[in-house]
C-alpha cells in the first residue's frame, strides 16, 4: 500500500491509501466511497495525461506520494469542481 493524493481543481486534497496494482477504475470506486462522486463522472490526470480506467496505477507511472488531479464531469459533459467534495461529512 502507498499513499497518493487526489487534488481537486480548487486545490482540495484527498489522501488515499491504495495498492499500485489496482486499476484506475478501482481508485474511482474509492473516491466514490469517500466523496460521493460516481465513477462515471471522474477523470484523473497525472503528468498531463488522462488515466485509462483499465490500466493499473503502476502502469500509469503512479508511485508513493504521487499527486493525481481529479476533474468531475457533469451529465452534460462539462468539467467542473464538485461542490459535493466540500459537503460530505466523511471527508478529512
N, C-alpha and C. Protein backbone atom coordinates (compact mmCIF):
# COMPACT_ATOMS: atom_id res chain seq x y z
N UNK A 1 0.84 -1.18 0.00
CA UNK A 1 0.00 0.00 0.00
C UNK A 1 0.88 1.25 0.00
N UNK A 2 0.44 2.23 -0.77
CA UNK A 2 1.13 3.51 -0.82
C UNK A 2 0.10 4.60 -0.59
N UNK A 3 0.57 5.79 -0.30
CA UNK A 3 -0.34 6.92 -0.16
C UNK A 3 -0.15 7.86 -1.35
N UNK A 4 -1.27 8.17 -1.99
CA UNK A 4 -1.29 9.17 -3.05
C UNK A 4 -2.25 10.26 -2.63
N UNK A 5 -2.18 11.38 -3.31
CA UNK A 5 -3.08 12.49 -3.00
C UNK A 5 -3.88 12.83 -4.24
N UNK A 6 -5.19 12.92 -4.06
CA UNK A 6 -6.09 13.36 -5.13
C UNK A 6 -6.32 14.84 -4.90
N UNK A 7 -6.07 15.65 -5.92
CA UNK A 7 -6.25 17.10 -5.81
C UNK A 7 -7.36 17.55 -6.74
N UNK A 8 -8.24 18.37 -6.19
CA UNK A 8 -9.33 18.92 -6.99
C UNK A 8 -8.84 20.17 -7.72
N UNK A 9 -9.68 20.67 -8.60
CA UNK A 9 -9.32 21.88 -9.34
C UNK A 9 -9.17 23.09 -8.43
N UNK A 10 -9.80 23.05 -7.26
CA UNK A 10 -9.68 24.16 -6.31
C UNK A 10 -8.54 23.96 -5.32
N UNK A 11 -7.80 22.85 -5.47
CA UNK A 11 -6.66 22.61 -4.60
C UNK A 11 -6.97 21.76 -3.39
N UNK A 12 -8.21 21.33 -3.23
CA UNK A 12 -8.57 20.46 -2.11
C UNK A 12 -7.81 19.14 -2.25
N UNK A 13 -7.32 18.60 -1.13
CA UNK A 13 -6.52 17.37 -1.13
C UNK A 13 -7.27 16.23 -0.46
N UNK A 14 -7.23 15.05 -1.09
CA UNK A 14 -7.86 13.85 -0.55
C UNK A 14 -6.78 12.77 -0.48
N UNK A 15 -6.29 12.43 0.71
CA UNK A 15 -5.29 11.37 0.81
C UNK A 15 -5.95 10.00 0.62
N UNK A 16 -5.29 9.13 -0.13
CA UNK A 16 -5.82 7.79 -0.41
C UNK A 16 -4.69 6.78 -0.27
N UNK A 17 -4.95 5.70 0.48
CA UNK A 17 -4.02 4.58 0.54
C UNK A 17 -4.53 3.52 -0.43
N UNK A 18 -3.65 3.06 -1.31
CA UNK A 18 -4.06 2.12 -2.35
C UNK A 18 -2.86 1.30 -2.81
N UNK A 19 -3.13 0.14 -3.33
CA UNK A 19 -2.10 -0.72 -3.92
C UNK A 19 -1.90 -0.29 -5.37
N UNK A 20 -0.67 -0.12 -5.78
CA UNK A 20 -0.39 0.35 -7.14
C UNK A 20 -0.76 -0.67 -8.22
N UNK A 21 -1.05 -1.91 -7.82
CA UNK A 21 -1.50 -2.91 -8.79
C UNK A 21 -3.01 -2.83 -9.04
N UNK A 22 -3.69 -1.96 -8.30
CA UNK A 22 -5.12 -1.75 -8.55
C UNK A 22 -5.27 -0.87 -9.78
N UNK A 23 -6.40 -1.01 -10.42
CA UNK A 23 -6.68 -0.26 -11.64
C UNK A 23 -7.22 1.13 -11.31
N UNK A 24 -7.15 2.00 -12.29
CA UNK A 24 -7.70 3.35 -12.15
C UNK A 24 -9.18 3.26 -11.79
N UNK A 25 -9.89 2.30 -12.37
CA UNK A 25 -11.31 2.12 -12.06
C UNK A 25 -11.52 1.80 -10.57
N UNK A 26 -10.58 1.08 -9.96
CA UNK A 26 -10.66 0.79 -8.52
C UNK A 26 -10.49 2.07 -7.71
N UNK A 27 -9.59 2.93 -8.14
CA UNK A 27 -9.39 4.21 -7.46
C UNK A 27 -10.66 5.05 -7.53
N UNK A 28 -11.34 5.01 -8.66
CA UNK A 28 -12.59 5.76 -8.80
C UNK A 28 -13.64 5.27 -7.80
N UNK A 29 -13.66 3.97 -7.54
CA UNK A 29 -14.59 3.43 -6.55
C UNK A 29 -14.24 3.92 -5.15
N UNK A 30 -12.96 4.01 -4.84
CA UNK A 30 -12.52 4.53 -3.54
C UNK A 30 -12.97 5.98 -3.38
N UNK A 31 -12.79 6.78 -4.42
CA UNK A 31 -13.19 8.19 -4.37
C UNK A 31 -14.71 8.30 -4.25
N UNK A 32 -15.44 7.40 -4.89
CA UNK A 32 -16.90 7.42 -4.76
C UNK A 32 -17.31 7.20 -3.31
N UNK A 33 -16.68 6.24 -2.63
CA UNK A 33 -17.00 5.97 -1.23
C UNK A 33 -16.64 7.18 -0.35
N UNK A 34 -15.48 7.77 -0.59
CA UNK A 34 -15.02 8.90 0.24
C UNK A 34 -15.77 10.19 -0.04
N UNK A 35 -16.09 10.44 -1.32
CA UNK A 35 -16.60 11.76 -1.72
C UNK A 35 -17.99 11.76 -2.33
N UNK A 36 -18.52 10.58 -2.66
CA UNK A 36 -19.87 10.52 -3.23
C UNK A 36 -19.96 10.88 -4.70
N UNK A 37 -18.84 10.87 -5.40
CA UNK A 37 -18.82 11.22 -6.83
C UNK A 37 -18.84 9.92 -7.63
N UNK A 38 -19.85 9.71 -8.47
CA UNK A 38 -19.91 8.47 -9.26
C UNK A 38 -18.68 8.30 -10.15
N UNK A 39 -18.18 7.07 -10.27
CA UNK A 39 -17.00 6.82 -11.10
C UNK A 39 -17.14 7.32 -12.53
N UNK A 40 -18.32 7.23 -13.10
CA UNK A 40 -18.52 7.67 -14.49
C UNK A 40 -18.29 9.17 -14.66
N UNK A 41 -18.33 9.92 -13.56
CA UNK A 41 -18.13 11.36 -13.63
C UNK A 41 -16.70 11.78 -13.26
N UNK A 42 -15.86 10.82 -12.91
CA UNK A 42 -14.49 11.13 -12.50
C UNK A 42 -13.51 10.93 -13.65
N UNK A 43 -12.58 11.88 -13.75
CA UNK A 43 -11.42 11.73 -14.64
C UNK A 43 -10.20 12.09 -13.83
N UNK A 44 -9.16 11.28 -13.96
CA UNK A 44 -7.90 11.56 -13.26
C UNK A 44 -6.84 11.96 -14.26
N UNK A 45 -6.11 13.01 -13.92
CA UNK A 45 -5.00 13.47 -14.74
C UNK A 45 -3.72 13.29 -13.93
N UNK A 46 -2.68 12.79 -14.62
CA UNK A 46 -1.38 12.60 -13.98
C UNK A 46 -0.32 12.89 -15.03
N UNK A 47 0.61 13.73 -14.69
CA UNK A 47 1.67 14.20 -15.60
C UNK A 47 1.08 14.67 -16.93
N UNK A 48 -0.04 15.38 -16.84
CA UNK A 48 -0.65 15.99 -18.02
C UNK A 48 -1.47 15.06 -18.88
N UNK A 49 -1.66 13.81 -18.45
CA UNK A 49 -2.43 12.86 -19.25
C UNK A 49 -3.59 12.28 -18.45
N UNK A 50 -4.69 12.01 -19.17
CA UNK A 50 -5.83 11.36 -18.54
C UNK A 50 -5.51 9.87 -18.37
N UNK A 51 -5.82 9.33 -17.18
CA UNK A 51 -5.54 7.93 -16.90
C UNK A 51 -6.66 7.04 -17.41
N UNK A 52 -6.29 5.92 -18.03
CA UNK A 52 -7.25 4.95 -18.56
C UNK A 52 -7.74 4.04 -17.44
N UNK A 53 -9.06 3.82 -17.39
CA UNK A 53 -9.67 3.01 -16.33
C UNK A 53 -9.11 1.60 -16.25
N UNK A 54 -8.74 1.02 -17.38
CA UNK A 54 -8.33 -0.39 -17.39
C UNK A 54 -6.85 -0.61 -17.07
N UNK A 55 -6.10 0.45 -16.87
CA UNK A 55 -4.67 0.30 -16.54
C UNK A 55 -4.47 0.35 -15.03
N UNK A 56 -3.40 -0.33 -14.57
CA UNK A 56 -3.07 -0.24 -13.15
C UNK A 56 -2.42 1.12 -12.88
N UNK A 57 -2.45 1.51 -11.62
CA UNK A 57 -1.80 2.77 -11.25
C UNK A 57 -0.31 2.70 -11.56
N UNK A 58 0.30 1.53 -11.32
CA UNK A 58 1.73 1.36 -11.62
C UNK A 58 1.99 1.54 -13.12
N UNK A 59 1.14 0.98 -13.97
CA UNK A 59 1.30 1.12 -15.41
C UNK A 59 1.21 2.59 -15.85
N UNK A 60 0.47 3.38 -15.08
CA UNK A 60 0.33 4.81 -15.39
C UNK A 60 1.48 5.63 -14.84
N UNK A 61 2.41 4.99 -14.11
CA UNK A 61 3.56 5.70 -13.56
C UNK A 61 3.33 6.29 -12.19
N UNK A 62 2.18 5.99 -11.58
CA UNK A 62 1.87 6.49 -10.24
C UNK A 62 2.76 5.77 -9.24
N UNK A 63 3.27 6.52 -8.26
CA UNK A 63 4.14 5.97 -7.22
C UNK A 63 3.74 6.54 -5.86
N UNK A 64 4.35 6.04 -4.81
CA UNK A 64 4.09 6.56 -3.48
C UNK A 64 4.33 8.07 -3.46
N UNK A 65 3.37 8.81 -2.93
CA UNK A 65 3.50 10.26 -2.84
C UNK A 65 3.03 11.01 -4.07
N UNK A 66 2.57 10.31 -5.10
CA UNK A 66 2.11 10.98 -6.33
C UNK A 66 0.86 11.82 -6.07
N UNK A 67 0.72 12.89 -6.83
CA UNK A 67 -0.47 13.74 -6.82
C UNK A 67 -1.23 13.50 -8.12
N UNK A 68 -2.51 13.14 -8.01
CA UNK A 68 -3.37 13.00 -9.18
C UNK A 68 -4.40 14.11 -9.13
N UNK A 69 -4.77 14.61 -10.27
CA UNK A 69 -5.76 15.69 -10.33
C UNK A 69 -7.10 15.12 -10.75
N UNK A 70 -8.13 15.47 -9.99
CA UNK A 70 -9.49 14.98 -10.24
C UNK A 70 -10.29 16.05 -10.95
N UNK A 71 -10.86 15.67 -12.08
CA UNK A 71 -11.80 16.52 -12.80
C UNK A 71 -13.13 15.78 -12.78
N UNK A 72 -14.20 16.48 -12.42
CA UNK A 72 -15.53 15.88 -12.35
C UNK A 72 -16.31 16.30 -13.58
N UNK A 73 -16.87 15.32 -14.25
CA UNK A 73 -17.62 15.57 -15.48
C UNK A 73 -19.11 15.50 -15.17
N UNK A 74 -19.86 16.52 -15.56
CA UNK A 74 -21.30 16.52 -15.35
C UNK A 74 -21.97 15.67 -16.41
N UNK A 75 -23.25 15.43 -16.23
CA UNK A 75 -24.01 14.65 -17.22
C UNK A 75 -24.06 15.35 -18.56
N UNK A 76 -23.95 16.67 -18.55
CA UNK A 76 -23.95 17.44 -19.80
C UNK A 76 -22.59 17.43 -20.47
N UNK A 77 -21.59 16.88 -19.81
CA UNK A 77 -20.26 16.78 -20.41
C UNK A 77 -19.34 17.94 -20.07
N UNK A 78 -19.76 18.81 -19.16
CA UNK A 78 -18.93 19.95 -18.77
C UNK A 78 -18.10 19.55 -17.56
N UNK A 79 -16.82 19.86 -17.58
CA UNK A 79 -15.95 19.55 -16.46
C UNK A 79 -16.06 20.65 -15.41
N UNK A 80 -16.11 20.25 -14.14
CA UNK A 80 -16.19 21.23 -13.07
C UNK A 80 -15.63 20.66 -11.79
N UNK A 81 -15.46 21.53 -10.80
CA UNK A 81 -15.04 21.13 -9.46
C UNK A 81 -16.31 20.85 -8.68
N UNK A 82 -16.45 19.66 -8.16
CA UNK A 82 -17.67 19.24 -7.48
C UNK A 82 -17.80 19.90 -6.11
N UNK A 83 -18.96 20.53 -5.88
CA UNK A 83 -19.27 21.05 -4.56
C UNK A 83 -19.49 19.91 -3.57
N UNK A 84 -19.85 18.73 -4.07
CA UNK A 84 -20.06 17.58 -3.19
C UNK A 84 -18.80 17.26 -2.40
N UNK A 85 -17.66 17.57 -2.94
CA UNK A 85 -16.40 17.28 -2.25
C UNK A 85 -16.27 18.08 -0.97
N UNK A 86 -16.96 19.22 -0.88
CA UNK A 86 -16.83 20.06 0.30
C UNK A 86 -17.97 19.87 1.30
N UNK A 87 -19.00 19.09 0.95
CA UNK A 87 -20.15 18.95 1.83
C UNK A 87 -20.29 17.57 2.43
N UNK A 88 -19.48 16.63 2.04
CA UNK A 88 -19.57 15.27 2.56
C UNK A 88 -19.01 15.24 3.98
N UNK A 89 -19.83 14.81 4.97
CA UNK A 89 -19.35 14.82 6.35
C UNK A 89 -18.25 13.80 6.64
N UNK A 90 -17.99 12.88 5.72
CA UNK A 90 -16.96 11.86 5.94
C UNK A 90 -15.60 12.27 5.43
N UNK A 91 -15.46 13.47 4.91
CA UNK A 91 -14.18 13.89 4.36
C UNK A 91 -13.26 14.35 5.47
N UNK A 92 -11.97 14.34 5.19
CA UNK A 92 -10.97 14.77 6.17
C UNK A 92 -10.76 16.26 6.09
